Amino acid sequence: MIAIDLSEDDAKVIALVGGREHVLKSRVFSTLCIGLKHYRRIPSWRKARYMRFFERRFLRLRGFIDVARGAEP
């Protein structure tokens, strides 16, 4: 799975996540992914709350993911 940011002039890969296909298609993984949104689509007054939600959700998702890397500066 590759996360691509299309909100700027050029498309930019912001994350690369690798997982086994049967895991990515599993109901548990899909349920844990519900509610995850692009940071720019969250209203500014909710961003701090969303980041706490994201951190807790990612801790639960991390067990399903084989490789997770963010974009390097």
Protein backbone atom coordinates (compact mmCIF):
# COMPACT_ATOMS: atom_id res chain seq x y z
CA MET A 1 0.00 0.00 0.00
CA ILE A 2 1.41 3.39 -0.93
CA ALA A 3 0.11 6.72 0.42
CA ILE A 4 0.34 9.49 -2.17
CA ASP A 5 -0.33 13.16 -1.45
CA LEU A 6 -2.11 14.70 -4.43
CA SER A 7 -3.05 17.96 -2.71
CA GLU A 8 -0.02 19.91 -3.95
CA ASP A 9 1.16 20.65 -7.50
CA ASP A 10 3.00 17.35 -7.88
CA ALA A 11 2.11 13.93 -6.51
CA LYS A 12 4.34 13.03 -3.61
CA VAL A 13 4.75 9.60 -1.97
CA ILE A 14 4.43 10.20 1.76
CA ALA A 15 4.40 6.64 3.08
CA LEU A 16 5.02 3.12 1.96
CA VAL A 17 3.37 0.32 3.91
CA GLY A 18 3.81 -3.34 3.13
CA GLY A 19 1.60 -6.09 4.45
CA ARG A 20 0.49 -9.56 3.47
CA GLU A 21 -2.47 -9.50 1.10
CA HIS A 22 -4.65 -11.70 3.30
CA VAL A 23 -4.04 -9.33 6.21
CA LEU A 24 -4.83 -6.17 4.23
CA LYS A 25 -8.10 -7.75 3.06
CA SER A 26 -9.08 -9.05 6.50
CA ARG A 27 -12.13 -7.73 8.30
CA VAL A 28 -10.15 -6.87 11.44
CA PHE A 29 -7.63 -4.76 9.51
CA SER A 30 -10.39 -3.03 7.53
CA THR A 31 -12.29 -2.23 10.73
CA LEU A 32 -9.18 -0.71 12.31
CA CYS A 33 -8.69 1.49 9.22
CA ILE A 34 -12.16 3.02 9.50
CA GLY A 35 -11.91 6.65 10.53
CA LEU A 36 -8.39 7.23 9.22
CA LYS A 37 -8.37 10.41 7.12
CA HIS A 38 -5.92 12.65 5.35
CA TYR A 39 -4.63 15.20 7.88
CA ARG A 40 -5.50 18.15 5.63
CA ARG A 41 -9.15 17.11 5.50
CA ILE A 42 -9.54 17.43 9.27
CA PRO A 43 -10.73 20.80 10.59
CA SER A 44 -8.04 22.67 12.53
CA TRP A 45 -10.05 22.54 15.75
CA ARG A 46 -10.04 18.70 15.62
CA LYS A 47 -6.42 18.02 14.62
CA ALA A 48 -5.02 17.56 18.14
CA ARG A 49 -7.82 15.14 19.01
CA TYR A 50 -7.37 13.28 15.71
CA MET A 51 -3.63 12.82 16.32
CA ARG A 52 -4.34 11.15 19.68
CA PHE A 53 -6.87 8.90 17.90
CA PHE A 54 -4.35 8.14 15.11
CA GLU A 55 -1.57 7.20 17.55
CA ARG A 56 -3.82 4.75 19.41
CA ARG A 57 -5.16 3.30 16.16
CA PHE A 58 -1.68 2.93 14.64
CA LEU A 59 -0.47 1.03 17.71
CA ARG A 60 -3.24 -1.50 17.07
CA LEU A 61 -2.53 -1.63 13.31
CA ARG A 62 1.23 -2.01 13.71
CA GLY A 63 0.86 -5.70 14.53
CA PHE A 64 -0.67 -6.30 11.08
CA ILE A 65 1.94 -4.35 9.11
CA ASP A 66 5.22 -5.93 7.97
CA VAL A 67 7.00 -2.72 6.92
CA ALA A 68 6.15 0.94 7.51
CA ARG A 69 8.34 3.80 6.31
CA GLY A 70 7.66 7.51 5.99
CA ALA A 71 9.06 9.77 3.32
CA GLU A 72 12.59 10.96 3.91
CA PRO A 73 13.21 14.73 3.80
